[in-house]
Amino acid sequence: MAPEPVAPEASTRGSVRARDVLSAYVALTKPRIIELLLVTTVPAMFLAAGGIPPLLLVLNTLIGGCLAAASANVFNCVLDRDIDEQMRRTRRRPLPRHVVSPAAATAFGFVLGLASALWLGYLVNVLSALLALTANVFYVFVYTMILKRRTWQNIVWGGIAGCFPPLIGWTAVTNSIALAPFLLFAIVFFWTPPHTWALALRYREDYAGAGVPMLPVVREAPVVARQILAYSVVTVLVSLTLWPVAPTGWLYPLVAAVAGAALIWESIGLLRRANAGLRDAALKPMRLFHWSNSYLALIFVAAAIDPLLR
């Protein structure tokens, strides 16, 4: 007897369900955050190589680094699912919507982490693999489990995990550590607080409702804006120290100076609006948030292009 045909509606529902689940697993990795990995890893490789590094090495480093960052982000989604469910900005993530179970997500995170360590260890080098593993552990245990819910300095020290990609990119090429990649590390370190606090100013009520003590939750807007300005100034100063250390040519310091001046100008504008009594969305903090993304991309791209011009 011939099997009964499957109803088209059932087949369609099954394919939609499969796509939804696949999309949910991708969303757990937070692809937008992984973009930072691309922006800061590849330029460090160009700078370390003094030109164009082997393209296969670049590809292998990016794949391994993406797997490591994805693993950390998945664990973060699992551990913070209660917070994500309360915040408007995050309540559509897969775990609050119960599209993926916490157990399945945890297993997914472990698989990604193991794949990253093996990939980098075998196809790049052991030092890069260890750095990626250290960043993963720091993000999950130090930031997510210890700092995030306890102190307003959560993103200051927890943000260290996001500073590792330049180190990984450099060691992938040289299999060693030097001062230049630590300066790239420091740029991301000082850039992270103003970038994140600008976002937290916009979603202050969300963080407050979820009990996350971000700086804009525990301090008034003028205090936050002054901190943002201070960190922005330090970020620009640190970025300029790369010029004699790397050393770079004329392009990098020019871009770092111009982009840095724009970052400081936006920070001053935010402080002025805060001192004028504006709060939350009226502060227009997303202007600074989006520009800070552009700033980081510009100076790292300039660091990558500069060796090609010499």
Protein backbone atom coordinates (compact mmCIF):
# COMPACT_ATOMS: atom_id res chain seq x y z
CA MET A 1 0.00 0.00 0.00
CA ALA A 2 1.37 3.39 -0.96
CA PRO A 3 2.05 5.76 1.94
CA GLU A 4 -0.45 8.51 2.47
CA PRO A 5 0.72 11.84 1.11
CA VAL A 6 1.79 14.46 3.65
CA ALA A 7 -0.53 17.43 3.73
CA PRO A 8 1.12 20.54 2.26
CA GLU A 9 0.13 22.51 5.36
CA ALA A 10 1.95 20.06 7.66
CA SER A 11 5.05 20.10 5.49
CA THR A 12 5.07 23.89 5.49
CA ARG A 13 4.61 24.06 9.24
CA GLY A 14 7.52 21.65 9.71
CA SER A 15 9.86 23.68 7.52
CA VAL A 16 8.87 26.91 9.23
CA ARG A 17 9.45 25.31 12.63
CA ALA A 18 12.90 24.10 11.55
CA ARG A 19 13.81 27.57 10.30
CA ASP A 20 12.58 29.12 13.54
CA VAL A 21 14.69 26.78 15.65
CA LEU A 22 17.76 27.31 13.47
CA SER A 23 17.25 31.06 13.66
CA ALA A 24 16.91 30.80 17.44
CA TYR A 25 20.24 28.99 17.80
CA VAL A 26 21.92 31.62 15.64
CA ALA A 27 20.35 34.37 17.75
CA LEU A 28 21.77 32.77 20.91
CA THR A 29 25.27 33.51 19.60
CA LYS A 30 24.48 37.28 19.34
CA PRO A 31 25.90 37.81 15.83
CA ARG A 32 25.92 41.60 16.17
CA ILE A 33 28.30 41.39 19.11
CA ILE A 34 30.56 39.01 17.16
CA GLU A 35 31.03 41.81 14.62
CA LEU A 36 33.38 43.41 17.16
CA LEU A 37 35.58 40.34 16.79
CA LEU A 38 35.91 40.93 13.04
CA VAL A 39 36.57 44.65 13.48
CA THR A 40 39.38 44.18 15.99
CA THR A 41 40.95 40.83 15.06
CA VAL A 42 41.77 41.27 11.37
CA PRO A 43 43.44 44.70 11.66
CA ALA A 44 45.65 43.35 14.44
CA MET A 45 46.73 40.57 12.07
CA PHE A 46 47.59 43.08 9.33
CA LEU A 47 49.56 45.18 11.80
CA ALA A 48 51.40 42.13 13.15
CA ALA A 49 52.28 40.98 9.63
CA GLY A 50 53.33 44.44 8.48
CA GLY A 51 51.10 43.88 5.46
CA ILE A 52 48.68 41.21 4.27
CA PRO A 53 48.79 38.08 6.45
CA PRO A 54 48.16 34.63 4.92
CA LEU A 55 44.49 34.62 4.01
CA LEU A 56 43.95 31.03 5.17
CA LEU A 57 45.35 32.00 8.56
CA VAL A 58 42.96 34.96 8.71
CA LEU A 59 40.02 32.71 7.87
CA ASN A 60 40.98 30.06 10.43
CA THR A 61 41.51 32.70 13.12
CA LEU A 62 38.14 34.31 12.42
CA ILE A 63 36.31 30.98 12.45
CA GLY A 64 37.91 29.93 15.73
CA GLY A 65 37.36 33.34 17.27
CA CYS A 66 33.73 33.45 16.17
CA LEU A 67 33.13 30.02 17.68
CA ALA A 68 34.67 31.17 20.98
CA ALA A 69 32.63 34.38 21.11
CA ALA A 70 29.48 32.51 20.13
CA SER A 71 30.04 30.03 22.95
CA ALA A 72 30.43 32.80 25.52
CA ASN A 73 27.32 34.57 24.24
CA VAL A 74 25.25 31.40 24.43
CA PHE A 75 26.27 30.83 28.06
CA ASN A 76 25.45 34.47 28.77
CA CYS A 77 21.96 33.94 27.32
CA VAL A 78 21.45 30.90 29.53
CA LEU A 79 22.63 32.58 32.73
CA ASP A 80 20.80 35.85 32.07
CA ARG A 81 17.53 34.43 30.78
CA ASP A 82 15.64 35.78 33.81
CA ILE A 83 16.96 39.29 33.14
CA ASP A 84 16.30 39.02 29.41
CA GLU A 85 12.69 38.07 30.09
CA GLN A 86 12.13 41.29 32.02
CA MET A 87 13.77 43.74 29.63
CA ARG A 88 11.99 45.09 26.57
CA ARG A 89 15.23 45.13 24.60
CA THR A 90 15.92 41.43 25.18
CA ARG A 91 12.62 39.68 25.85
CA ARG A 92 12.41 38.47 22.23
CA ARG A 93 15.59 36.42 22.60
CA PRO A 94 15.16 32.64 22.17
CA LEU A 95 15.25 31.58 25.84
CA PRO A 96 12.65 34.07 27.11
CA ARG A 97 10.41 32.95 24.23
CA HIS A 98 11.08 29.28 25.15
CA VAL A 99 12.08 28.41 21.59
CA VAL A 100 15.22 26.69 22.92
CA SER A 101 15.49 25.00 26.31
CA PRO A 102 18.24 26.05 28.78
CA ALA A 103 19.68 22.52 28.68
CA ALA A 104 19.89 22.51 24.89
CA ALA A 105 21.43 25.97 24.86
CA THR A 106 24.01 24.95 27.46
CA ALA A 107 25.00 21.91 25.41
CA PHE A 108 25.23 24.14 22.33
CA GLY A 109 27.55 26.50 24.20
CA PHE A 110 29.85 23.67 25.27
CA VAL A 111 30.03 22.32 21.71
CA LEU A 112 30.92 25.75 20.34
CA GLY A 113 33.58 26.27 23.01
CA LEU A 114 35.18 22.89 22.40
CA ALA A 115 35.10 23.42 18.64
CA SER A 116 36.79 26.80 19.08
CA ALA A 117 39.61 25.41 21.22
CA LEU A 118 40.28 22.54 18.82
CA TRP A 119 40.04 24.73 15.72
CA LEU A 120 42.42 27.40 16.97
CA GLY A 121 44.76 24.91 18.62
CA TYR A 122 45.21 22.78 15.51
CA LEU A 123 44.85 25.33 12.70
CA VAL A 124 46.29 28.50 14.24
CA ASN A 125 48.38 27.97 17.39
CA VAL A 126 48.00 26.96 21.02
CA LEU A 127 48.63 30.49 22.36
CA SER A 128 45.70 31.90 20.38
CA ALA A 129 43.50 29.02 21.52
CA LEU A 130 44.39 29.67 25.18
CA LEU A 131 43.66 33.39 24.82
CA ALA A 132 40.27 32.66 23.27
CA LEU A 133 39.47 30.21 26.07
CA THR A 134 40.55 32.77 28.68
CA ALA A 135 38.25 35.40 27.15
CA ASN A 136 35.38 32.91 27.14
CA VAL A 137 35.88 31.92 30.79
CA PHE A 138 36.28 35.56 31.87
CA TYR A 139 33.06 36.62 30.14
CA VAL A 140 31.00 33.78 31.57
CA PHE A 141 32.35 33.49 35.10
CA VAL A 142 33.74 36.93 35.95
CA TYR A 143 31.36 39.23 34.08
CA THR A 144 28.10 37.29 33.82
CA MET A 145 28.16 35.31 37.05
CA ILE A 146 30.00 37.68 39.42
CA LEU A 147 30.06 41.31 38.29
CA LYS A 148 26.95 42.00 36.23
CA ARG A 149 24.39 41.84 39.04
CA ARG A 150 26.60 43.16 41.84
CA THR A 151 28.39 46.38 40.85
CA TRP A 152 28.08 49.37 38.53
CA GLN A 153 31.66 48.64 37.45
CA ASN A 154 30.42 45.42 35.84
CA ILE A 155 31.14 46.58 32.30
CA VAL A 156 34.44 48.26 33.23
CA TRP A 157 36.13 45.05 34.34
CA GLY A 158 33.79 42.57 32.68
CA GLY A 159 34.50 44.27 29.37
CA ILE A 160 38.03 42.85 29.49
CA ALA A 161 36.66 39.75 27.77
CA GLY A 162 35.88 41.80 24.67
CA CYS A 163 39.45 43.13 24.54
CA PHE A 164 41.03 39.76 23.65
CA PRO A 165 40.39 39.67 19.87
CA PRO A 166 43.33 42.00 19.03
CA LEU A 167 45.61 39.82 21.15
CA ILE A 168 44.31 36.70 19.42
CA GLY A 169 44.80 38.26 16.00
CA TRP A 170 48.35 39.31 16.81
CA THR A 171 49.38 35.97 18.31
CA ALA A 172 47.84 34.13 15.37
CA VAL A 173 50.45 35.79 13.14
CA THR A 174 53.45 35.98 15.47
CA ASN A 175 52.77 33.27 18.09
CA SER A 176 54.05 35.81 20.63
CA ILE A 177 52.93 38.84 22.65
CA ALA A 178 54.21 42.41 22.19
CA LEU A 179 53.35 45.92 23.39
CA ALA A 180 51.39 46.90 20.28
CA PRO A 181 48.57 44.35 20.72
CA PHE A 182 48.27 45.33 24.39
CA LEU A 183 47.68 48.91 23.24
CA LEU A 184 44.95 47.63 20.92
CA PHE A 185 43.61 45.70 23.92
CA ALA A 186 43.66 48.94 25.96
CA ILE A 187 41.81 50.88 23.26
CA VAL A 188 38.91 48.42 23.42
CA PHE A 189 39.09 48.38 27.24
CA PHE A 190 38.63 52.15 27.60
CA TRP A 191 36.17 52.33 24.68
CA THR A 192 33.79 49.75 26.17
CA PRO A 193 32.37 51.73 29.15
CA PRO A 194 31.25 54.85 27.23
CA HIS A 195 29.87 52.66 24.45
CA THR A 196 27.88 50.50 26.87
CA TRP A 197 26.81 53.31 29.21
CA ALA A 198 25.38 55.23 26.28
CA LEU A 199 23.15 52.24 25.52
CA ALA A 200 22.31 51.89 29.21
CA LEU A 201 21.25 55.54 29.35
CA ARG A 202 18.69 54.81 26.65
CA TYR A 203 17.41 51.67 28.38
CA ARG A 204 17.93 52.78 31.98
CA GLU A 205 14.41 51.80 33.06
CA ASP A 206 14.88 48.34 31.57
CA TYR A 207 18.08 47.74 33.51
CA ALA A 208 16.54 49.17 36.69
CA GLY A 209 13.48 46.95 36.37
CA ALA A 210 15.68 43.89 35.90
CA GLY A 211 17.85 44.78 38.90
CA VAL A 212 21.06 45.24 36.91
CA PRO A 213 23.14 48.03 38.54
CA MET A 214 24.47 49.65 35.40
CA LEU A 215 26.00 53.07 36.06
CA PRO A 216 22.99 54.99 34.64
CA VAL A 217 20.77 53.08 37.10
CA VAL A 218 22.73 53.99 40.23
CA ARG A 219 23.98 57.47 39.27
CA GLU A 220 22.35 60.58 37.83
CA ALA A 221 22.75 61.35 34.13
CA PRO A 222 25.33 64.18 34.57
CA VAL A 223 27.59 61.84 36.57
CA VAL A 224 27.29 59.18 33.87
CA ALA A 225 27.99 61.70 31.12
CA ARG A 226 31.13 62.92 32.90
CA GLN A 227 32.35 59.33 33.20
CA ILE A 228 31.64 58.78 29.50
CA LEU A 229 33.59 61.91 28.58
CA ALA A 230 36.54 60.89 30.77
CA TYR A 231 36.72 57.40 29.30
CA SER A 232 36.37 58.79 25.77
CA VAL A 233 39.32 61.15 26.28
CA VAL A 234 41.47 58.30 27.64
CA THR A 235 40.42 56.09 24.72
CA VAL A 236 41.60 58.68 22.22
CA LEU A 237 44.89 59.27 24.06
CA VAL A 238 45.62 55.54 24.21
CA SER A 239 44.77 55.16 20.53
CA LEU A 240 47.35 57.80 19.64
CA THR A 241 50.11 56.00 21.58
CA LEU A 242 49.93 53.19 19.05
CA TRP A 243 51.43 55.53 16.43
CA PRO A 244 55.06 55.49 17.70
CA VAL A 245 54.87 51.98 19.18
CA ALA A 246 53.63 49.97 16.18
CA PRO A 247 54.99 52.09 14.37
CA THR A 248 52.38 53.25 11.90
CA GLY A 249 52.60 55.74 9.06
CA TRP A 250 50.59 58.92 8.52
CA LEU A 251 47.12 57.39 7.98
CA TYR A 252 46.51 55.86 11.37
CA PRO A 253 47.31 58.91 13.55
CA LEU A 254 45.29 61.13 11.22
CA VAL A 255 42.21 58.89 11.43
CA ALA A 256 42.68 58.34 15.18
CA ALA A 257 42.89 62.09 15.80
CA VAL A 258 39.90 63.07 13.64
CA ALA A 259 37.67 60.18 14.73
CA GLY A 260 38.75 60.71 18.33
CA ALA A 261 37.87 64.41 18.19
CA ALA A 262 34.40 63.46 16.94
CA LEU A 263 34.00 60.93 19.76
CA ILE A 264 34.95 63.53 22.37
CA TRP A 265 32.64 66.08 20.74
CA GLU A 266 29.70 63.69 20.94
CA SER A 267 30.56 62.97 24.57
CA ILE A 268 30.60 66.71 25.35
CA GLY A 269 27.22 67.08 23.64
CA LEU A 270 25.81 64.29 25.82
CA LEU A 271 27.16 65.99 28.94
CA ARG A 272 25.59 69.30 27.92
CA ARG A 273 22.20 67.66 27.45
CA ALA A 274 22.53 65.88 30.80
CA ASN A 275 23.45 69.14 32.58
CA ALA A 276 20.42 70.75 30.93
CA GLY A 277 18.19 68.29 32.78
CA LEU A 278 17.38 65.90 29.92
CA ARG A 279 17.03 62.22 30.74
CA ASP A 280 16.79 58.81 29.08
CA ALA A 281 15.84 58.98 25.37
CA ALA A 282 15.79 62.79 25.45
CA LEU A 283 19.55 62.68 26.05
CA LYS A 284 19.96 61.17 22.57
CA PRO A 285 22.55 58.71 23.91
CA MET A 286 22.16 56.46 20.87
CA ARG A 287 23.98 59.09 18.81
CA LEU A 288 27.07 58.42 20.90
CA PHE A 289 26.43 54.68 20.93
CA HIS A 290 26.30 54.43 17.13
CA TRP A 291 29.22 56.79 16.62
CA SER A 292 31.35 54.82 19.08
CA ASN A 293 30.81 51.76 16.87
CA SER A 294 31.94 53.75 13.83
CA TYR A 295 34.90 55.17 15.76
CA LEU A 296 36.24 51.76 16.71
CA ALA A 297 35.82 50.44 13.17
CA LEU A 298 37.56 53.47 11.64
CA ILE A 299 40.67 53.38 13.79
CA PHE A 300 41.12 49.61 13.51
CA VAL A 301 40.62 49.69 9.74
CA ALA A 302 43.16 52.51 9.56
CA ALA A 303 45.59 50.35 11.57
CA ALA A 304 45.07 47.55 9.02
CA ILE A 305 45.51 49.75 5.95
CA ASP A 306 48.46 51.75 7.25
CA PRO A 307 51.06 48.95 6.83
CA LEU A 308 49.96 48.54 3.20
CA LEU A 309 50.91 52.15 2.43
CA ARG A 310 54.51 51.87 3.61
